[in-house]
Amino acid sequence: MIDTNQIKRSYKISEHTKNLRQVGRYQVGPCPLCGGVDRFTIKPTDEGEVWFCRNCGDDRYHDVIELVKRLNNCGFIEAINILAGGNFTYTPAVDRQDVPLPPKLAEIPAQSWQDKAMAIWSASHERLIESLNCGEINPYLSWLMNRGITPKEVRKFGLGYHPGGAGLARGIVIPAFFNGDILYLKVRKRGQKKVNKAGKTVLYDKYRQLAGGKSNSLFNADSIKPGIKQVVIVEGEFDAIVVSRFVPSNTAVVTMGSTSQVPEFTEWGYLFAAVEKMFIYQDGDKSGQKALLKWVKMYPYAEKLIPLGNGDPTDYWKAQGYQGMERWLKMSGVT
């Protein structure tokens, strides 16, 4: 009888995958299924190595049997026979000639920074995933759920929890990936409550970034791929994550993560070349309206989403729920 658990423990995915590099206890590199640069992560466990791909991994870790199934386009039994017969070999991802890879950015963080950021991100993301897997009561997960971010989005966008230190504050980790690189690593920390001139209590100093990252970057830029016809631009990462759940499959949701930043056309403009519609939403406060003018000036064909007062899409979701979000986007023309 074939012992599948023994197969999982015996076959090391890392020994059959090329161009890997060590990042802490993980190994990362190109995905043997879909390519890329370092979207493929291998994690050692007591039950054997498991793998995760940010692009084609279905938002979760898989074992060696699943990898062989996908590499050979076969079923479970055939994959077991391949492994039991010692015929597991590396199969490089096939580059599709009709879907060219996007060009590299003119400037990306140095490799030394990439390695540090990848190690911090991997450990941070793993903390939240382990809490999800074991059903642990985690205050940071609760905070995310209260903002409309489900476990699916935690996995999809690689959110994590950092306890502080190593150049970052304690809080929720938000990574910005693009074309195999981490562009920035941001932490949403507790912040400080202050009363503004209007007498309203607001939070200041909510975010910290790992020094050395490329802060002027487009979050979720990888979602603008062939077949995307619409792009929605919002003010912050959490808004982008929430709104992405309600848009059609032909629509990407991105953000610069700050009202003070608009993407340089020379660096990011090519991503919008095949996009038929662009919708922009910035908060109704003074800084948000100033940012909106910057966007419209750079992309004059862009349309404005229906204003939500002084709140943001997350606030609107809290007040109006799923039906309200869907109604708002539909009325704004995002269909």
Protein backbone atom coordinates (compact mmCIF):
# COMPACT_ATOMS: atom_id res chain seq x y z
CA MET A 1 0.00 0.00 0.00
CA ILE A 2 1.29 3.47 -0.89
CA ASP A 3 1.64 5.69 2.16
CA THR A 4 0.67 9.18 0.94
CA ASN A 5 1.79 10.79 4.19
CA GLN A 6 5.21 9.19 3.79
CA ILE A 7 5.38 10.52 0.22
CA LYS A 8 4.59 14.02 1.43
CA ARG A 9 7.31 13.80 4.08
CA SER A 10 9.90 12.21 1.77
CA TYR A 11 9.71 14.41 -1.31
CA LYS A 12 11.18 17.86 -0.85
CA ILE A 13 9.67 20.34 -3.27
CA SER A 14 12.77 22.53 -2.84
CA GLU A 15 15.03 19.81 -4.28
CA HIS A 16 13.02 19.74 -7.50
CA THR A 17 12.49 23.48 -8.00
CA LYS A 18 15.06 25.79 -9.54
CA ASN A 19 16.34 29.27 -8.70
CA LEU A 20 15.24 29.31 -5.06
CA ARG A 21 16.73 31.52 -2.37
CA GLN A 22 16.53 31.17 1.37
CA VAL A 23 14.44 33.76 3.26
CA GLY A 24 14.39 32.83 6.93
CA ARG A 25 12.81 29.38 7.23
CA TYR A 26 11.20 29.74 3.80
CA GLN A 27 12.51 29.35 0.25
CA VAL A 28 11.18 31.59 -2.49
CA GLY A 29 11.61 31.75 -6.24
CA PRO A 30 9.83 31.51 -9.61
CA CYS A 31 6.66 29.43 -9.65
CA PRO A 32 7.14 26.24 -11.73
CA LEU A 33 3.51 26.64 -12.81
CA CYS A 34 3.15 30.30 -13.76
CA GLY A 35 6.64 31.81 -13.66
CA GLY A 36 7.26 35.17 -12.02
CA VAL A 37 10.27 35.99 -9.90
CA ASP A 38 9.59 35.15 -6.26
CA ARG A 39 5.85 34.54 -6.05
CA PHE A 40 6.46 30.86 -5.12
CA THR A 41 7.11 30.10 -1.43
CA ILE A 42 8.08 26.76 0.11
CA LYS A 43 7.54 26.21 3.84
CA PRO A 44 8.88 23.28 5.85
CA THR A 45 6.42 21.48 8.14
CA ASP A 46 6.43 18.28 10.19
CA GLU A 47 4.26 16.68 7.49
CA GLY A 48 6.61 17.69 4.68
CA GLU A 49 7.20 20.78 2.57
CA VAL A 50 4.22 22.77 1.34
CA TRP A 51 4.05 25.49 -1.30
CA PHE A 52 2.16 28.71 -1.89
CA CYS A 53 1.96 30.88 -5.02
CA ARG A 54 0.57 34.40 -4.82
CA ASN A 55 -0.65 34.16 -8.41
CA CYS A 56 -1.98 30.63 -8.95
CA GLY A 57 -2.02 29.02 -5.49
CA ASP A 58 -5.71 29.50 -4.66
CA ASP A 59 -4.80 31.61 -1.60
CA ARG A 60 -3.52 28.67 0.45
CA TYR A 61 -0.64 26.24 0.92
CA HIS A 62 -0.59 22.93 -1.00
CA ASP A 63 1.43 19.73 -0.66
CA VAL A 64 3.78 18.07 -3.14
CA ILE A 65 1.00 15.86 -4.53
CA GLU A 66 -1.03 18.88 -5.60
CA LEU A 67 2.05 20.36 -7.27
CA VAL A 68 2.65 17.18 -9.29
CA LYS A 69 -1.04 17.08 -10.29
CA ARG A 70 -0.82 20.60 -11.68
CA LEU A 71 2.58 20.17 -13.31
CA ASN A 72 1.45 17.04 -15.15
CA ASN A 73 -2.23 17.95 -15.60
CA CYS A 74 -3.21 14.66 -14.01
CA GLY A 75 -5.36 13.24 -11.22
CA PHE A 76 -4.48 12.26 -7.68
CA ILE A 77 -3.72 8.59 -8.37
CA GLU A 78 -1.47 9.37 -11.33
CA ALA A 79 0.38 11.97 -9.25
CA ILE A 80 0.94 9.38 -6.50
CA ASN A 81 2.30 6.93 -9.07
CA ILE A 82 4.66 9.57 -10.43
CA LEU A 83 6.00 10.27 -6.95
CA ALA A 84 6.14 6.61 -5.89
CA GLY A 85 8.06 5.80 -9.07
CA GLY A 86 10.59 8.55 -8.44
CA ASN A 87 9.63 10.41 -11.60
CA PHE A 88 9.03 13.83 -10.06
CA THR A 89 11.11 16.31 -12.04
CA TYR A 90 11.04 20.08 -12.44
CA THR A 91 8.84 21.37 -15.25
CA PRO A 92 9.46 25.04 -16.04
CA ALA A 93 6.48 27.30 -16.53
CA VAL A 94 5.66 27.91 -20.19
CA ASP A 95 5.81 31.57 -21.18
CA ARG A 96 2.74 32.54 -23.15
CA GLN A 97 3.80 34.54 -26.19
CA ASP A 98 0.43 36.29 -26.48
CA VAL A 99 0.53 37.69 -22.94
CA PRO A 100 3.87 39.49 -22.49
CA LEU A 101 5.15 40.11 -19.01
CA PRO A 102 4.95 43.76 -17.94
CA PRO A 103 8.22 45.66 -18.01
CA LYS A 104 10.16 46.08 -14.81
CA LEU A 105 9.85 49.36 -12.97
CA ALA A 106 12.61 51.85 -13.59
CA GLU A 107 13.42 51.84 -9.89
CA ILE A 108 12.72 49.12 -7.35
CA PRO A 109 14.11 48.68 -3.83
CA ALA A 110 17.56 47.12 -3.57
CA GLN A 111 17.85 43.35 -3.31
CA SER A 112 19.09 43.58 0.28
CA TRP A 113 15.90 45.46 1.16
CA GLN A 114 13.82 42.92 -0.79
CA ASP A 115 15.30 40.07 1.25
CA LYS A 116 14.62 41.84 4.54
CA ALA A 117 11.10 42.80 3.52
CA MET A 118 10.32 39.29 2.28
CA ALA A 119 11.47 37.75 5.56
CA ILE A 120 9.39 40.19 7.63
CA TRP A 121 6.36 39.77 5.40
CA SER A 122 6.54 35.95 5.36
CA ALA A 123 6.69 35.73 9.15
CA SER A 124 3.95 38.35 9.58
CA HIS A 125 1.60 36.72 7.10
CA GLU A 126 2.18 33.31 8.65
CA ARG A 127 1.12 34.65 12.06
CA LEU A 128 -2.31 35.64 10.76
CA ILE A 129 -2.73 32.50 8.66
CA GLU A 130 -1.95 30.28 11.66
CA SER A 131 -4.57 32.18 13.68
CA LEU A 132 -7.09 31.58 10.90
CA ASN A 133 -6.24 27.91 10.55
CA CYS A 134 -6.56 27.15 14.25
CA GLY A 135 -9.58 29.39 14.87
CA GLU A 136 -7.67 31.53 17.34
CA ILE A 137 -9.32 34.67 18.71
CA ASN A 138 -6.99 37.34 17.34
CA PRO A 139 -7.74 41.05 17.93
CA TYR A 140 -6.07 42.03 14.66
CA LEU A 141 -8.21 39.61 12.68
CA SER A 142 -11.26 40.96 14.49
CA TRP A 143 -10.27 44.51 13.55
CA LEU A 144 -9.95 43.50 9.89
CA MET A 145 -13.30 41.69 9.88
CA ASN A 146 -14.92 44.78 11.37
CA ARG A 147 -13.63 46.70 8.35
CA GLY A 148 -15.14 44.22 5.89
CA ILE A 149 -11.95 42.25 5.22
CA THR A 150 -12.60 38.50 5.29
CA PRO A 151 -10.12 35.60 5.68
CA LYS A 152 -10.15 35.25 1.89
CA GLU A 153 -8.81 38.78 1.48
CA VAL A 154 -6.25 38.23 4.26
CA ARG A 155 -4.81 35.39 2.18
CA LYS A 156 -5.26 37.04 -1.23
CA PHE A 157 -3.53 40.30 -0.31
CA GLY A 158 -0.95 38.74 2.00
CA LEU A 159 -1.92 40.71 5.10
CA GLY A 160 0.03 39.94 8.26
CA TYR A 161 0.65 40.87 11.88
CA HIS A 162 3.97 42.28 13.09
CA PRO A 163 4.77 42.43 16.83
CA GLY A 164 7.15 45.38 16.44
CA GLY A 165 10.89 45.75 15.97
CA ALA A 166 13.11 45.19 12.90
CA GLY A 167 12.33 48.71 11.70
CA LEU A 168 8.56 48.39 11.87
CA ALA A 169 5.87 49.27 14.38
CA ARG A 170 3.45 46.80 15.90
CA GLY A 171 0.32 46.30 13.83
CA ILE A 172 -1.18 44.92 10.63
CA VAL A 173 1.27 44.44 7.77
CA ILE A 174 0.26 45.55 4.26
CA PRO A 175 2.62 44.43 1.47
CA ALA A 176 2.65 45.99 -2.00
CA PHE A 177 3.76 43.36 -4.54
CA PHE A 178 4.31 43.92 -8.24
CA ASN A 179 5.85 41.73 -10.90
CA GLY A 180 7.62 39.57 -8.33
CA ASP A 181 8.98 42.38 -6.17
CA ILE A 182 7.88 43.90 -2.88
CA LEU A 183 7.66 47.64 -3.46
CA TYR A 184 6.79 48.67 0.08
CA LEU A 185 5.88 47.16 3.41
CA LYS A 186 3.48 49.20 5.50
CA VAL A 187 2.12 48.70 9.02
CA ARG A 188 -1.23 50.03 10.19
CA LYS A 189 -0.57 50.73 13.84
CA ARG A 190 -2.84 51.95 16.62
CA GLY A 191 -2.34 55.67 15.93
CA GLN A 192 -3.00 58.64 18.19
CA LYS A 193 -6.35 60.28 18.83
CA LYS A 194 -6.47 64.05 18.44
CA VAL A 195 -9.20 66.66 18.10
CA ASN A 196 -8.99 68.58 14.82
CA LYS A 197 -10.00 72.19 14.18
CA ALA A 198 -13.58 71.14 13.50
CA GLY A 199 -13.78 69.57 16.94
CA LYS A 200 -13.85 66.03 15.56
CA THR A 201 -11.71 63.30 17.12
CA VAL A 202 -9.52 61.73 14.46
CA LEU A 203 -6.57 59.33 14.35
CA TYR A 204 -3.12 60.57 13.41
CA ASP A 205 0.17 58.75 12.86
CA LYS A 206 -1.57 55.53 11.84
CA TYR A 207 0.98 54.14 9.39
CA ARG A 208 4.67 53.27 9.31
CA GLN A 209 6.67 51.92 6.37
CA LEU A 210 9.82 49.84 6.35
CA ALA A 211 12.54 52.33 5.46
CA GLY A 212 14.01 51.88 1.98
CA GLY A 213 10.82 50.81 0.20
CA LYS A 214 9.29 52.51 -2.83
CA SER A 215 6.44 54.40 -1.19
CA ASN A 216 5.24 56.04 -4.41
CA SER A 217 3.84 52.76 -5.75
CA LEU A 218 0.53 51.42 -6.97
CA PHE A 219 -0.97 48.92 -4.50
CA ASN A 220 -2.55 45.84 -6.15
CA ALA A 221 -1.02 46.75 -9.51
CA ASP A 222 -0.71 43.04 -10.37
CA SER A 223 -4.50 42.94 -10.70
CA ILE A 224 -4.29 45.07 -13.87
CA LYS A 225 -3.68 42.21 -16.28
CA PRO A 226 -4.91 41.16 -19.74
CA GLY A 227 -8.72 41.19 -19.84
CA ILE A 228 -9.10 44.02 -17.33
CA LYS A 229 -11.29 46.72 -18.88
CA GLN A 230 -12.01 48.91 -15.85
CA VAL A 231 -9.90 50.27 -13.01
CA VAL A 232 -11.22 51.75 -9.77
CA ILE A 233 -8.86 54.01 -7.82
CA VAL A 234 -9.52 54.59 -4.12
CA GLU A 235 -7.63 56.36 -1.35
CA GLY A 236 -6.19 53.59 0.85
CA GLU A 237 -5.21 49.93 0.84
CA PHE A 238 -8.02 48.73 3.10
CA ASP A 239 -10.58 50.51 0.91
CA ALA A 240 -9.07 48.84 -2.16
CA ILE A 241 -9.29 45.42 -0.50
CA VAL A 242 -12.93 45.88 0.50
CA VAL A 243 -14.10 47.36 -2.82
CA SER A 244 -12.32 44.63 -4.82
CA ARG A 245 -14.81 42.10 -3.48
CA PHE A 246 -17.76 43.91 -5.10
CA VAL A 247 -16.48 44.76 -8.59
CA PRO A 248 -16.95 42.64 -11.75
CA SER A 249 -14.21 40.22 -12.83
CA ASN A 250 -13.08 42.63 -15.57
CA THR A 251 -12.30 45.34 -13.00
CA ALA A 252 -9.19 45.99 -10.90
CA VAL A 253 -9.08 48.12 -7.74
CA VAL A 254 -5.85 49.95 -6.91
CA THR A 255 -4.56 52.76 -4.74
CA MET A 256 -1.47 54.83 -4.12
CA GLY A 257 -2.14 54.42 -0.40
CA SER A 258 -2.12 58.16 0.24
CA THR A 259 -3.90 61.31 -0.91
CA SER A 260 -0.55 63.00 -1.48
CA GLN A 261 0.54 60.62 -4.25
CA VAL A 262 -0.51 60.18 -7.85
CA PRO A 263 1.28 57.58 -10.04
CA GLU A 264 3.86 58.87 -12.47
CA PHE A 265 2.51 58.30 -15.97
CA THR A 266 5.96 57.40 -17.29
CA GLU A 267 6.22 54.60 -14.75
CA TRP A 268 2.67 53.26 -14.38
CA GLY A 269 0.78 54.67 -17.36
CA TYR A 270 1.35 51.62 -19.59
CA LEU A 271 -0.77 49.53 -17.20
CA PHE A 272 -3.80 51.63 -18.10
CA ALA A 273 -3.23 51.42 -21.88
CA ALA A 274 -5.88 48.74 -22.51
CA VAL A 275 -8.27 49.96 -19.81
CA GLU A 276 -11.53 51.33 -21.23
CA LYS A 277 -12.80 53.03 -18.07
CA MET A 278 -11.15 54.55 -15.02
CA PHE A 279 -13.15 55.47 -11.93
CA ILE A 280 -11.71 57.54 -9.09
CA TYR A 281 -12.84 57.94 -5.52
CA GLN A 282 -11.08 60.04 -2.90
CA ASP A 283 -12.47 61.00 0.49
CA GLY A 284 -14.67 64.10 0.71
CA ASP A 285 -12.27 66.03 2.96
CA LYS A 286 -9.95 68.77 1.71
CA SER A 287 -6.94 66.49 1.13
CA GLY A 288 -9.10 63.94 -0.68
CA GLN A 289 -10.57 66.52 -3.05
CA LYS A 290 -7.11 67.91 -3.72
CA ALA A 291 -5.93 64.42 -4.63
CA LEU A 292 -8.96 63.93 -6.88
CA LEU A 293 -7.99 67.01 -8.88
CA LYS A 294 -4.47 65.61 -9.32
CA TRP A 295 -5.83 62.32 -10.67
CA VAL A 296 -8.25 63.97 -13.08
CA LYS A 297 -5.54 66.31 -14.34
CA MET A 298 -3.21 63.41 -15.12
CA TYR A 299 -5.96 61.11 -16.43
CA PRO A 300 -8.62 63.45 -17.90
CA TYR A 301 -10.73 60.56 -19.23
CA ALA A 302 -11.31 59.30 -15.67
CA GLU A 303 -14.80 59.35 -14.17
CA LYS A 304 -15.65 60.21 -10.58
CA LEU A 305 -17.47 57.73 -8.39
CA ILE A 306 -20.57 59.05 -6.62
CA PRO A 307 -19.44 60.95 -3.47
CA LEU A 308 -19.98 59.29 -0.09
CA GLY A 309 -19.82 62.47 1.98
CA ASN A 310 -16.81 62.79 4.27
CA GLY A 311 -16.47 59.03 4.74
CA ASP A 312 -14.62 56.38 2.75
CA PRO A 313 -15.86 53.15 1.11
CA THR A 314 -15.12 51.19 4.29
CA ASP A 315 -17.30 53.55 6.34
CA TYR A 316 -20.00 53.19 3.71
CA TRP A 317 -19.79 49.40 3.88
CA LYS A 318 -20.21 49.57 7.66
CA ALA A 319 -23.31 51.73 7.29
CA GLN A 320 -24.92 50.19 4.20
CA GLY A 321 -23.58 46.63 4.02
CA TYR A 322 -23.12 44.47 0.94
CA GLN A 323 -26.21 45.67 -0.89
CA GLY A 324 -25.24 49.29 -0.32
CA MET A 325 -21.75 48.75 -1.78
CA GLU A 326 -23.11 46.97 -4.83
CA ARG A 327 -25.73 49.69 -5.35
CA TRP A 328 -23.14 52.49 -5.05
CA LEU A 329 -20.79 50.91 -7.61
CA LYS A 330 -23.62 50.15 -10.03
CA MET A 331 -24.99 53.68 -9.80
CA SER A 332 -21.46 55.01 -10.42
CA GLY A 333 -21.22 52.99 -13.64
CA VAL A 334 -18.92 50.20 -12.48
CA THR A 335 -20.72 47.32 -14.20
